[in-house]
Every structure is written in C-alpha cells, then in structure tokens.
C-alpha cells in the first residue's frame, strides 16, 4: 500500500508539474526514479517535520500541490500546530501521507504507534481523512487527490494486504463502499480493518447471525447518507478501527446515529484500542490480538450481544 501511494505521486508528478514530493528521513532508495527523472519536484528534508509542513504550505500558496510523506506519528503528533495553522487555517491543498497507521510499527513501541492520529486530524477544520483498505483502492483515491482543493491526511497500512476491492465499484472520496448487505448486524470499518470485518462476517454465519460490512475509506467527511441508509432495521452496529476507541471512527458513527435515530437507534459497539499507551512490543498481529482486534475476539463480542 505504501509503495502504491508513492508510485501514484510519481505518476501524478509526471503528468502535472505542480505536484511535488516532500519526504522526511525516509531512508536511501525511496523513490529513486522520481529523484533522477524529476529532481526539481523531489525534496528529502531529513528529520524536520515541523519545517516541512511550513515549507509545503508556502509551496501550496504558490500554486504547487505538495505530497508530504513520513511516519504517521511524526506527521500528525509532532507537527500538529503547523498542520492546524499553516495548512488547515488557510485550507491549502497539501497531502499528508502517514506511514504505518495504527499498530504497524509494533516493534518500535508506543512512540511509533499511531493510535490517536485520526482523532487529531478529525478535529481540524478543512481536513479530509482517507484510509484505504488495499492497494487497488489506494490507487483510485490517490488519483482523486490531484484536484481536491483541501488538505488531506492519507493513512497507510503495513503493505502487502490482500486485494478485496471490486474493480467494478466506483470509489469516491466521501462515499462509503458496501461490501455485504446487513441483516442482523452492520459492521462499519475503515482501512485494513475492513479485511478483518469481512472475516468476521464469514465466521458469524455459522451461528445464523448475518453481518453486513460497510467500508468507510473516507473518515472525514463521513458518509452520513450511507450510514443512515444501511443502519435501518438492524439490531447492532459494530465499528472496528485500529485506533483508540475515543475520537476515531466509532465516535463519528455514534454521533451520526444519535443525530438521526435518537431513541430508536440500533445499539453501537465500538471495537478499538483502550485509551492507554500499549506497553507491549512485538508484531502488528500480536498486538492486534492483545488489544482484541483479531477476528475471533470481535466475533465473540457479537455473539455475546445476541446471547444477552
């Protein structure tokens, strides 16, 4: 997924001289072809995240479209004031590409785990947030970013994810994608967690519980129309996100459901990471298991709801 996003920036840059790539200490060899073929559109600025946000804002003011790439925690947490004041206040078309959203950098511990990035970016006026489920969807959304005239935060997964996107389905910023029609339960997910959601939906059929899956690749602006449409006449909504339960996707779904259903709303269960710093090191898979983000644990929560 990361490679696809950067390849797309290169493709866009070859077509449009306004497109610039700005990296922050991404290591040797990253986009080497870009650097050789389009040296005037390629910048690698080292460990200076706050500076490159200001730099990208200035370039956007001059008519360029900068794509800024580094680790998700650094591009959101470390330079939050610059993102708020330099980009969002002026509503500039800068694209922030965050590597390793969620628990991807599990071997490096809590300093590198992007578990509050969605809530940070979501609270900023004018900011759009996208989190694709696979490289195919990433490619479609990246090409839509070229003429999108607002700042965008693009949350990347680990890479190498299974392709689940249907080539025939139109992908559009701001519109969710229904993977499975709900009957009893609607699972709403984003990013690579949609792969988990589809797995859970298969596991629950054996207990005669039919789960639909709504994938929201755009977290802001959220697809209010789609959420309302697919939440009617169901018993339970389950949100799944590789993020703290507070402030992320689940919180947005609760707001939509409360505002449009009131007392007649379906029950909502938010599945994410408890609001504390994980103190474990390991792989992304082992940390997902430890915080209850594996398919078996999610399935158990759905079963427990129906038992009650």
C-alpha atoms as a PDB file:
ATOM      1  CA  UNK A   1       0.000   0.000   0.000  1.00  0.00           C
ATOM      2  CA  UNK A   2       2.808   2.421   0.847  1.00  0.00           C
ATOM      3  CA  UNK A   3       4.633   1.638  -2.404  1.00  0.00           C
ATOM      4  CA  UNK A   4       1.416   2.144  -4.372  1.00  0.00           C
ATOM      5  CA  UNK A   5       0.794   5.537  -2.796  1.00  0.00           C
ATOM      6  CA  UNK A   6       4.325   6.747  -3.576  1.00  0.00           C
ATOM      7  CA  UNK A   7       4.206   5.304  -7.091  1.00  0.00           C
ATOM      8  CA  UNK A   8       0.991   7.279  -7.612  1.00  0.00           C
ATOM      9  CA  UNK A   9       2.679  10.502  -6.516  1.00  0.00           C
ATOM     10  CA  UNK A  10       5.378   9.840  -9.120  1.00  0.00           C
ATOM     11  CA  UNK A  11       2.733   9.186 -11.801  1.00  0.00           C
ATOM     12  CA  UNK A  12       0.898  12.383 -10.913  1.00  0.00           C
ATOM     13  CA  UNK A  13       4.131  14.376 -10.902  1.00  0.00           C
ATOM     14  CA  UNK A  14       4.989  13.211 -14.416  1.00  0.00           C
ATOM     15  CA  UNK A  15       1.609  14.476 -15.636  1.00  0.00           C
ATOM     16  CA  UNK A  16       1.447  17.687 -13.625  1.00  0.00           C
ATOM     17  CA  UNK A  17       4.412  19.939 -12.770  1.00  0.00           C
ATOM     18  CA  UNK A  18       2.524  21.330  -9.794  1.00  0.00           C
ATOM     19  CA  UNK A  19       2.942  18.024  -7.956  1.00  0.00           C
ATOM     20  CA  UNK A  20       5.867  17.880  -5.525  1.00  0.00           C
ATOM     21  CA  UNK A  21       7.104  15.101  -3.268  1.00  0.00           C
ATOM     22  CA  UNK A  22       8.487  16.116   0.133  1.00  0.00           C
ATOM     23  CA  UNK A  23       9.935  13.378   2.331  1.00  0.00           C
ATOM     24  CA  UNK A  24      11.286  13.351   5.860  1.00  0.00           C
ATOM     25  CA  UNK A  25      14.168  10.943   6.527  1.00  0.00           C
ATOM     26  CA  UNK A  26      12.663   8.043   4.576  1.00  0.00           C
ATOM     27  CA  UNK A  27      15.931   6.227   4.008  1.00  0.00           C
ATOM     28  CA  UNK A  28      18.056   5.614   0.893  1.00  0.00           C
ATOM     29  CA  UNK A  29      16.406   4.371  -2.269  1.00  0.00           C
ATOM     30  CA  UNK A  30      12.897   5.692  -1.639  1.00  0.00           C
ATOM     31  CA  UNK A  31      11.533   6.971  -4.959  1.00  0.00           C
ATOM     32  CA  UNK A  32      14.991   6.883  -6.532  1.00  0.00           C
ATOM     33  CA  UNK A  33      13.493   7.031 -10.044  1.00  0.00           C
ATOM     34  CA  UNK A  34      11.463  10.099  -9.058  1.00  0.00           C
ATOM     35  CA  UNK A  35      14.605  11.818  -7.771  1.00  0.00           C
ATOM     36  CA  UNK A  36      16.529  11.082 -11.001  1.00  0.00           C
ATOM     37  CA  UNK A  37      13.788  11.886 -13.518  1.00  0.00           C
ATOM     38  CA  UNK A  38      12.134  14.856 -11.776  1.00  0.00           C
ATOM     39  CA  UNK A  39      14.766  16.386  -9.478  1.00  0.00           C
ATOM     40  CA  UNK A  40      13.002  19.759  -9.374  1.00  0.00           C
ATOM     41  CA  UNK A  41       9.863  18.112  -7.949  1.00  0.00           C
ATOM     42  CA  UNK A  42      11.602  15.934  -5.342  1.00  0.00           C
ATOM     43  CA  UNK A  43      12.674  17.068  -1.860  1.00  0.00           C
ATOM     44  CA  UNK A  44      14.086  14.972   1.013  1.00  0.00           C
ATOM     45  CA  UNK A  45      14.370  17.223   4.044  1.00  0.00           C
ATOM     46  CA  UNK A  46      15.593  14.957   6.840  1.00  0.00           C
ATOM     47  CA  UNK A  47      14.218  14.870  10.389  1.00  0.00           C
ATOM     48  CA  UNK A  48      12.417  18.217  10.208  1.00  0.00           C
ATOM     49  CA  UNK A  49       8.689  17.502  10.182  1.00  0.00           C
ATOM     50  CA  UNK A  50       7.568  20.874  11.553  1.00  0.00           C
ATOM     51  CA  UNK A  51       9.676  22.645   8.962  1.00  0.00           C
ATOM     52  CA  UNK A  52       8.381  20.627   6.002  1.00  0.00           C
ATOM     53  CA  UNK A  53       4.767  21.393   6.883  1.00  0.00           C
ATOM     54  CA  UNK A  54       5.553  25.106   6.737  1.00  0.00           C
ATOM     55  CA  UNK A  55       7.542  24.535   3.570  1.00  0.00           C
ATOM     56  CA  UNK A  56       4.659  22.655   1.934  1.00  0.00           C
ATOM     57  CA  UNK A  57       2.223  25.417   2.950  1.00  0.00           C
ATOM     58  CA  UNK A  58       4.391  28.052   1.305  1.00  0.00           C
ATOM     59  CA  UNK A  59       4.683  25.996  -1.869  1.00  0.00           C
ATOM     60  CA  UNK A  60       0.918  25.422  -1.942  1.00  0.00           C
ATOM     61  CA  UNK A  61       0.403  29.177  -1.658  1.00  0.00           C
ATOM     62  CA  UNK A  62       2.492  29.488  -4.830  1.00  0.00           C
ATOM     63  CA  UNK A  63       0.265  27.078  -6.734  1.00  0.00           C
ATOM     64  CA  UNK A  64       2.042  23.753  -6.135  1.00  0.00           C
ATOM     65  CA  UNK A  65       0.427  20.546  -4.810  1.00  0.00           C
ATOM     66  CA  UNK A  66       2.814  19.034  -2.245  1.00  0.00           C
ATOM     67  CA  UNK A  67       2.610  15.383  -1.144  1.00  0.00           C
ATOM     68  CA  UNK A  68       4.391  15.061   2.200  1.00  0.00           C
ATOM     69  CA  UNK A  69       5.383  11.610   3.442  1.00  0.00           C
ATOM     70  CA  UNK A  70       6.751  10.279   6.727  1.00  0.00           C
ATOM     71  CA  UNK A  71       5.767   8.070   9.679  1.00  0.00           C
ATOM     72  CA  UNK A  72       2.173   8.684  10.804  1.00  0.00           C
ATOM     73  CA  UNK A  73       3.027   9.688  14.392  1.00  0.00           C
ATOM     74  CA  UNK A  74       5.537  12.266  13.192  1.00  0.00           C
ATOM     75  CA  UNK A  75       3.319  13.833  10.524  1.00  0.00           C
ATOM     76  CA  UNK A  76       0.382  14.240  12.934  1.00  0.00           C
ATOM     77  CA  UNK A  77       1.597  14.391  16.539  1.00  0.00           C
ATOM     78  CA  UNK A  78       4.985  16.074  16.139  1.00  0.00           C
ATOM     79  CA  UNK A  79       3.858  18.948  13.896  1.00  0.00           C
ATOM     80  CA  UNK A  80       0.227  19.340  14.946  1.00  0.00           C
ATOM     81  CA  UNK A  81       0.383  23.131  15.352  1.00  0.00           C
ATOM     82  CA  UNK A  82       1.877  23.579  11.893  1.00  0.00           C
ATOM     83  CA  UNK A  83      -0.784  21.328  10.339  1.00  0.00           C
ATOM     84  CA  UNK A  84      -3.513  23.302  12.109  1.00  0.00           C
ATOM     85  CA  UNK A  85      -2.221  26.822  11.449  1.00  0.00           C
ATOM     86  CA  UNK A  86      -0.228  26.537   8.223  1.00  0.00           C
ATOM     87  CA  UNK A  87      -2.427  24.064   6.342  1.00  0.00           C
ATOM     88  CA  UNK A  88      -5.946  23.916   7.740  1.00  0.00           C
ATOM     89  CA  UNK A  89      -6.426  27.566   8.660  1.00  0.00           C
ATOM     90  CA  UNK A  90      -5.530  28.515   5.077  1.00  0.00           C
ATOM     91  CA  UNK A  91      -7.303  25.460   3.578  1.00  0.00           C
ATOM     92  CA  UNK A  92      -4.324  24.545   1.395  1.00  0.00           C
ATOM     93  CA  UNK A  93      -4.149  21.536  -0.969  1.00  0.00           C
ATOM     94  CA  UNK A  94      -1.342  19.674   0.817  1.00  0.00           C
ATOM     95  CA  UNK A  95      -1.481  15.873   1.109  1.00  0.00           C
ATOM     96  CA  UNK A  96      -0.054  14.311   4.274  1.00  0.00           C
ATOM     97  CA  UNK A  97       0.830  10.643   3.721  1.00  0.00           C
ATOM     98  CA  UNK A  98       1.214   8.891   7.086  1.00  0.00           C
ATOM     99  CA  UNK A  99       3.153   5.605   7.038  1.00  0.00           C
ATOM    100  CA  UNK A 100       2.068   2.904   9.471  1.00  0.00           C
ATOM    101  CA  UNK A 101      -1.297   3.961  10.837  1.00  0.00           C
ATOM    102  CA  UNK A 102      -2.392   2.019  13.914  1.00  0.00           C
ATOM    103  CA  UNK A 103      -0.146  -0.760  15.251  1.00  0.00           C
ATOM    104  CA  UNK A 104       2.089  -1.203  12.193  1.00  0.00           C
ATOM    105  CA  UNK A 105       5.268  -0.097  13.984  1.00  0.00           C
ATOM    106  CA  UNK A 106       4.679  -2.531  16.847  1.00  0.00           C
ATOM    107  CA  UNK A 107       8.381  -3.492  17.149  1.00  0.00           C
ATOM    108  CA  UNK A 108       9.238   0.149  17.980  1.00  0.00           C
ATOM    109  CA  UNK A 109       6.763   0.599  20.818  1.00  0.00           C
ATOM    110  CA  UNK A 110       4.364   3.385  21.861  1.00  0.00           C
ATOM    111  CA  UNK A 111       6.393   6.284  20.439  1.00  0.00           C
ATOM    112  CA  UNK A 112       5.680   4.989  16.928  1.00  0.00           C
ATOM    113  CA  UNK A 113       2.117   3.669  17.314  1.00  0.00           C
ATOM    114  CA  UNK A 114      -0.337   5.960  15.528  1.00  0.00           C
ATOM    115  CA  UNK A 115      -3.418   5.373  17.675  1.00  0.00           C
ATOM    116  CA  UNK A 116      -4.665   8.949  18.032  1.00  0.00           C
ATOM    117  CA  UNK A 117      -3.895  10.245  14.533  1.00  0.00           C
ATOM    118  CA  UNK A 118      -7.496  10.058  13.311  1.00  0.00           C
ATOM    119  CA  UNK A 119      -8.853  11.983  16.282  1.00  0.00           C
ATOM    120  CA  UNK A 120      -6.137  14.633  15.935  1.00  0.00           C
ATOM    121  CA  UNK A 121      -6.753  15.174  12.228  1.00  0.00           C
ATOM    122  CA  UNK A 122     -10.543  14.816  12.512  1.00  0.00           C
ATOM    123  CA  UNK A 123     -10.803  17.753  14.889  1.00  0.00           C
ATOM    124  CA  UNK A 124      -9.186  20.179  12.414  1.00  0.00           C
ATOM    125  CA  UNK A 125     -11.452  22.271  10.159  1.00  0.00           C
ATOM    126  CA  UNK A 126     -10.978  21.733   6.391  1.00  0.00           C
ATOM    127  CA  UNK A 127      -9.044  18.461   6.870  1.00  0.00           C
ATOM    128  CA  UNK A 128     -10.112  15.392   4.876  1.00  0.00           C
ATOM    129  CA  UNK A 129      -9.065  11.906   6.059  1.00  0.00           C
ATOM    130  CA  UNK A 130      -8.811   8.805   3.898  1.00  0.00           C
ATOM    131  CA  UNK A 131      -7.764   5.289   4.940  1.00  0.00           C
ATOM    132  CA  UNK A 132      -7.883   2.774   2.048  1.00  0.00           C
ATOM    133  CA  UNK A 133      -8.322  -0.972   2.586  1.00  0.00           C
ATOM    134  CA  UNK A 134      -5.869  -2.181  -0.076  1.00  0.00           C
ATOM    135  CA  UNK A 135      -3.518  -1.001  -2.809  1.00  0.00           C
ATOM    136  CA  UNK A 136      -6.208  -1.030  -5.523  1.00  0.00           C
ATOM    137  CA  UNK A 137      -8.404   1.353  -3.563  1.00  0.00           C
ATOM    138  CA  UNK A 138      -5.319   3.394  -2.683  1.00  0.00           C
ATOM    139  CA  UNK A 139      -4.561   3.914  -6.373  1.00  0.00           C
ATOM    140  CA  UNK A 140      -8.100   5.078  -7.143  1.00  0.00           C
ATOM    141  CA  UNK A 141      -8.195   7.515  -4.233  1.00  0.00           C
ATOM    142  CA  UNK A 142      -4.686   8.869  -4.822  1.00  0.00           C
ATOM    143  CA  UNK A 143      -5.578   9.908  -8.360  1.00  0.00           C
ATOM    144  CA  UNK A 144      -8.633  11.745  -6.989  1.00  0.00           C
ATOM    145  CA  UNK A 145      -6.446  13.810  -4.665  1.00  0.00           C
ATOM    146  CA  UNK A 146      -4.831  15.769  -7.507  1.00  0.00           C
ATOM    147  CA  UNK A 147      -7.661  18.271  -7.964  1.00  0.00           C
ATOM    148  CA  UNK A 148      -9.077  18.116  -4.440  1.00  0.00           C
ATOM    149  CA  UNK A 149      -8.694  21.626  -3.092  1.00  0.00           C
ATOM    150  CA  UNK A 150      -8.364  20.918   0.659  1.00  0.00           C
ATOM    151  CA  UNK A 151      -5.702  19.384   2.926  1.00  0.00           C
ATOM    152  CA  UNK A 152      -5.831  15.580   3.107  1.00  0.00           C
ATOM    153  CA  UNK A 153      -4.438  13.087   5.612  1.00  0.00           C
ATOM    154  CA  UNK A 154      -3.812   9.695   3.943  1.00  0.00           C
ATOM    155  CA  UNK A 155      -3.420   6.858   6.443  1.00  0.00           C
ATOM    156  CA  UNK A 156      -1.349   3.916   5.205  1.00  0.00           C
ATOM    157  CA  UNK A 157      -1.335   0.343   6.480  1.00  0.00           C
ATOM    158  CA  UNK A 158       1.543  -2.115   6.557  1.00  0.00           C
ATOM    159  CA  UNK A 159       1.527  -3.027   2.874  1.00  0.00           C
ATOM    160  CA  UNK A 160       1.022  -6.349   1.138  1.00  0.00           C
ATOM    161  CA  UNK A 161      -2.646  -6.545   2.146  1.00  0.00           C
ATOM    162  CA  UNK A 162      -4.967  -8.895   0.278  1.00  0.00           C
ATOM    163  CA  UNK A 163      -6.908  -7.158  -2.516  1.00  0.00           C
ATOM    164  CA  UNK A 164     -10.579  -7.018  -1.553  1.00  0.00           C
ATOM    165  CA  UNK A 165     -11.694  -4.047  -3.661  1.00  0.00           C
ATOM    166  CA  UNK A 166     -14.067  -4.818  -6.514  1.00  0.00           C
ATOM    167  CA  UNK A 167     -12.722  -3.258  -9.695  1.00  0.00           C
ATOM    168  CA  UNK A 168     -16.253  -2.569 -10.899  1.00  0.00           C
ATOM    169  CA  UNK A 169     -17.225  -0.488  -7.846  1.00  0.00           C
ATOM    170  CA  UNK A 170     -16.743   3.260  -8.106  1.00  0.00           C
ATOM    171  CA  UNK A 171     -14.537   4.674  -5.374  1.00  0.00           C
ATOM    172  CA  UNK A 172     -15.210   8.286  -4.454  1.00  0.00           C
ATOM    173  CA  UNK A 173     -13.825  10.444  -1.665  1.00  0.00           C
ATOM    174  CA  UNK A 174     -16.602  10.939   0.882  1.00  0.00           C
ATOM    175  CA  UNK A 175     -18.692   7.897  -0.119  1.00  0.00           C
ATOM    176  CA  UNK A 176     -18.558   4.547   1.675  1.00  0.00           C
ATOM    177  CA  UNK A 177     -18.472   1.156  -0.040  1.00  0.00           C
ATOM    178  CA  UNK A 178     -20.928  -1.594   0.934  1.00  0.00           C
ATOM    179  CA  UNK A 179     -19.145  -4.934   0.777  1.00  0.00           C
ATOM    180  CA  UNK A 180     -22.000  -7.013   2.228  1.00  0.00           C
ATOM    181  CA  UNK A 181     -25.668  -6.138   2.791  1.00  0.00           C
ATOM    182  CA  UNK A 182     -26.634  -6.190   6.505  1.00  0.00           C
ATOM    183  CA  UNK A 183     -29.449  -8.220   8.003  1.00  0.00           C
ATOM    184  CA  UNK A 184     -28.833  -8.501  11.768  1.00  0.00           C
ATOM    185  CA  UNK A 185     -25.560  -6.637  12.207  1.00  0.00           C
ATOM    186  CA  UNK A 186     -23.787  -3.865  10.325  1.00  0.00           C
ATOM    187  CA  UNK A 187     -20.009  -3.832  10.733  1.00  0.00           C
ATOM    188  CA  UNK A 188     -18.549  -0.436   9.872  1.00  0.00           C
ATOM    189  CA  UNK A 189     -14.802  -0.376   9.375  1.00  0.00           C
ATOM    190  CA  UNK A 190     -12.040   1.639   7.804  1.00  0.00           C
ATOM    191  CA  UNK A 191      -8.606   0.979   6.349  1.00  0.00           C
ATOM    192  CA  UNK A 192      -7.195  -2.526   6.616  1.00  0.00           C
ATOM    193  CA  UNK A 193      -9.670  -3.368   9.391  1.00  0.00           C
ATOM    194  CA  UNK A 194     -12.220  -3.944   6.613  1.00  0.00           C
ATOM    195  CA  UNK A 195     -10.299  -7.134   5.857  1.00  0.00           C
ATOM    196  CA  UNK A 196     -10.978  -8.199   9.461  1.00  0.00           C
ATOM    197  CA  UNK A 197     -14.631  -7.158   9.127  1.00  0.00           C
ATOM    198  CA  UNK A 198     -15.137  -9.448   6.128  1.00  0.00           C
ATOM    199  CA  UNK A 199     -13.501 -12.309   8.013  1.00  0.00           C
ATOM    200  CA  UNK A 200     -15.803 -11.751  10.991  1.00  0.00           C
ATOM    201  CA  UNK A 201     -18.866 -11.661   8.735  1.00  0.00           C
ATOM    202  CA  UNK A 202     -17.966 -15.131   7.420  1.00  0.00           C
ATOM    203  CA  UNK A 203     -17.383 -16.547  10.912  1.00  0.00           C
ATOM    204  CA  UNK A 204     -20.755 -15.418  12.285  1.00  0.00           C
ATOM    205  CA  UNK A 205     -22.901 -17.062   9.589  1.00  0.00           C
ATOM    206  CA  UNK A 206     -22.447 -20.446  11.288  1.00  0.00           C
ATOM    207  CA  UNK A 207     -24.398 -19.074  14.274  1.00  0.00           C
ATOM    208  CA  UNK A 208     -27.127 -17.745  11.977  1.00  0.00           C
ATOM    209  CA  UNK A 209     -26.032 -14.137  12.556  1.00  0.00           C
ATOM    210  CA  UNK A 210     -25.777 -12.240   9.279  1.00  0.00           C
ATOM    211  CA  UNK A 211     -23.333  -9.335   9.286  1.00  0.00           C
ATOM    212  CA  UNK A 212     -23.136  -6.724   6.575  1.00  0.00           C
ATOM    213  CA  UNK A 213     -19.925  -4.743   6.030  1.00  0.00           C
ATOM    214  CA  UNK A 214     -19.761  -1.023   5.245  1.00  0.00           C
ATOM    215  CA  UNK A 215     -16.263   0.185   4.448  1.00  0.00           C
ATOM    216  CA  UNK A 216     -15.564   3.879   5.046  1.00  0.00           C
ATOM    217  CA  UNK A 217     -12.317   4.720   3.269  1.00  0.00           C
ATOM    218  CA  UNK A 218     -13.162   8.377   3.982  1.00  0.00           C
ATOM    219  CA  UNK A 219     -13.403   9.113   7.697  1.00  0.00           C
ATOM    220  CA  UNK A 220     -13.914  12.827   7.191  1.00  0.00           C
ATOM    221  CA  UNK A 221     -16.180  13.981   5.631  1.00  0.00           C
ATOM    222  CA  UNK A 222     -18.058  10.897   6.783  1.00  0.00           C
ATOM    223  CA  UNK A 223     -20.716   9.296   4.594  1.00  0.00           C
ATOM    224  CA  UNK A 224     -23.781  10.237   6.680  1.00  0.00           C
ATOM    225  CA  UNK A 225     -26.212   9.196   3.947  1.00  0.00           C
ATOM    226  CA  UNK A 226     -24.694   5.728   3.609  1.00  0.00           C
ATOM    227  CA  UNK A 227     -24.535   5.125   7.351  1.00  0.00           C
ATOM    228  CA  UNK A 228     -28.202   6.038   7.802  1.00  0.00           C
ATOM    229  CA  UNK A 229     -29.293   4.004   4.779  1.00  0.00           C
ATOM    230  CA  UNK A 230     -27.637   0.774   5.912  1.00  0.00           C
ATOM    231  CA  UNK A 231     -28.360   1.191   9.640  1.00  0.00           C
ATOM    232  CA  UNK A 232     -32.137   0.926   9.278  1.00  0.00           C
ATOM    233  CA  UNK A 233     -33.922  -2.159  10.636  1.00  0.00           C
ATOM    234  CA  UNK A 234     -30.831  -3.793  12.142  1.00  0.00           C
ATOM    235  CA  UNK A 235     -30.149  -4.766  15.748  1.00  0.00           C
ATOM    236  CA  UNK A 236     -26.488  -3.916  16.135  1.00  0.00           C
ATOM    237  CA  UNK A 237     -23.739  -1.753  14.663  1.00  0.00           C
ATOM    238  CA  UNK A 238     -20.136  -2.791  15.310  1.00  0.00           C
ATOM    239  CA  UNK A 239     -17.343  -0.364  14.482  1.00  0.00           C
ATOM    240  CA  UNK A 240     -13.805  -1.702  14.032  1.00  0.00           C
ATOM    241  CA  UNK A 241     -10.731   0.510  13.948  1.00  0.00           C
ATOM    242  CA  UNK A 242      -7.009   0.213  14.644  1.00  0.00           C
ATOM    243  CA  UNK A 243      -7.147   3.353  16.767  1.00  0.00           C
ATOM    244  CA  UNK A 244      -8.159   4.432  20.260  1.00  0.00           C
ATOM    245  CA  UNK A 245     -11.894   3.947  20.761  1.00  0.00           C
ATOM    246  CA  UNK A 246     -12.157   7.603  21.718  1.00  0.00           C
ATOM    247  CA  UNK A 247     -12.248  10.185  18.955  1.00  0.00           C
ATOM    248  CA  UNK A 248     -11.926   7.923  15.931  1.00  0.00           C
ATOM    249  CA  UNK A 249     -14.317   6.158  13.565  1.00  0.00           C
ATOM    250  CA  UNK A 250     -16.565   4.735  16.294  1.00  0.00           C
ATOM    251  CA  UNK A 251     -17.107   8.145  17.851  1.00  0.00           C
ATOM    252  CA  UNK A 252     -18.121   9.565  14.476  1.00  0.00           C
ATOM    253  CA  UNK A 253     -20.609   6.723  13.941  1.00  0.00           C
ATOM    254  CA  UNK A 254     -22.141   7.315  17.381  1.00  0.00           C
ATOM    255  CA  UNK A 255     -22.654  10.984  16.520  1.00  0.00           C
ATOM    256  CA  UNK A 256     -24.355  10.166  13.212  1.00  0.00           C
ATOM    257  CA  UNK A 257     -26.609   7.504  14.766  1.00  0.00           C
ATOM    258  CA  UNK A 258     -27.564   9.730  17.692  1.00  0.00           C
ATOM    259  CA  UNK A 259     -28.328  12.728  15.484  1.00  0.00           C
ATOM    260  CA  UNK A 260     -30.520  10.799  13.044  1.00  0.00           C
ATOM    261  CA  UNK A 261     -32.145   7.970  15.006  1.00  0.00           C
ATOM    262  CA  UNK A 262     -32.454   9.265  18.571  1.00  0.00           C
ATOM    263  CA  UNK A 263     -34.274   6.844  20.893  1.00  0.00           C
ATOM    264  CA  UNK A 264     -34.884   4.336  18.094  1.00  0.00           C
ATOM    265  CA  UNK A 265     -31.227   3.914  17.227  1.00  0.00           C
ATOM    266  CA  UNK A 266     -29.588   0.482  16.964  1.00  0.00           C
ATOM    267  CA  UNK A 267     -27.068  -0.479  19.632  1.00  0.00           C
ATOM    268  CA  UNK A 268     -23.477   0.505  18.780  1.00  0.00           C
ATOM    269  CA  UNK A 269     -20.423  -1.431  19.977  1.00  0.00           C
ATOM    270  CA  UNK A 270     -17.085   0.254  19.328  1.00  0.00           C
ATOM    271  CA  UNK A 271     -14.099  -2.054  18.944  1.00  0.00           C
ATOM    272  CA  UNK A 272     -10.703  -0.418  19.064  1.00  0.00           C
ATOM    273  CA  UNK A 273      -7.786   0.144  21.417  1.00  0.00           C
ATOM    274  CA  UNK A 274      -8.373   1.092  25.036  1.00  0.00           C
ATOM    275  CA  UNK A 275      -7.315   4.683  25.760  1.00  0.00           C
ATOM    276  CA  UNK A 276      -3.904   3.914  27.227  1.00  0.00           C
ATOM    277  CA  UNK A 277      -0.435   3.502  25.779  1.00  0.00           C
ATOM    278  CA  UNK A 278       0.231  -0.140  24.848  1.00  0.00           C
ATOM    279  CA  UNK A 279       3.193  -1.419  26.840  1.00  0.00           C
ATOM    280  CA  UNK A 280       3.944  -4.423  24.635  1.00  0.00           C
ATOM    281  CA  UNK A 281       6.389  -4.850  21.771  1.00  0.00           C
ATOM    282  CA  UNK A 282       6.038  -7.411  19.007  1.00  0.00           C
ATOM    283  CA  UNK A 283       4.460  -7.741  15.599  1.00  0.00           C
ATOM    284  CA  UNK A 284       1.355  -5.935  14.399  1.00  0.00           C
ATOM    285  CA  UNK A 285      -0.549  -9.228  14.542  1.00  0.00           C
ATOM    286  CA  UNK A 286       0.453  -9.990  18.135  1.00  0.00           C
ATOM    287  CA  UNK A 287      -0.510  -6.507  19.294  1.00  0.00           C
ATOM    288  CA  UNK A 288      -3.838  -6.710  17.479  1.00  0.00           C
ATOM    289  CA  UNK A 289      -4.535  -9.929  19.359  1.00  0.00           C
ATOM    290  CA  UNK A 290      -3.521  -8.418  22.710  1.00  0.00           C
ATOM    291  CA  UNK A 291      -5.922  -5.480  22.299  1.00  0.00           C
ATOM    292  CA  UNK A 292      -8.824  -7.586  20.975  1.00  0.00           C
ATOM    293  CA  UNK A 293      -8.626  -6.649  17.315  1.00  0.00           C
ATOM    294  CA  UNK A 294      -8.408 -10.171  15.911  1.00  0.00           C
ATOM    295  CA  UNK A 295     -11.391 -11.758  14.175  1.00  0.00           C
ATOM    296  CA  UNK A 296     -12.115 -14.300  16.938  1.00  0.00           C
ATOM    297  CA  UNK A 297     -12.368 -11.647  19.667  1.00  0.00           C
ATOM    298  CA  UNK A 298     -14.614  -9.459  17.523  1.00  0.00           C
ATOM    299  CA  UNK A 299     -16.835 -12.455  16.752  1.00  0.00           C
ATOM    300  CA  UNK A 300     -17.155 -13.204  20.499  1.00  0.00           C
ATOM    301  CA  UNK A 301     -18.364  -9.669  21.206  1.00  0.00           C
ATOM    302  CA  UNK A 302     -21.096 -10.050  18.573  1.00  0.00           C
ATOM    303  CA  UNK A 303     -22.132 -13.454  19.925  1.00  0.00           C
ATOM    304  CA  UNK A 304     -22.263 -12.087  23.498  1.00  0.00           C
ATOM    305  CA  UNK A 305     -24.596  -9.317  22.408  1.00  0.00           C
ATOM    306  CA  UNK A 306     -27.105 -11.804  20.968  1.00  0.00           C
ATOM    307  CA  UNK A 307     -26.803 -14.134  23.976  1.00  0.00           C
ATOM    308  CA  UNK A 308     -27.847 -11.282  26.239  1.00  0.00           C
END
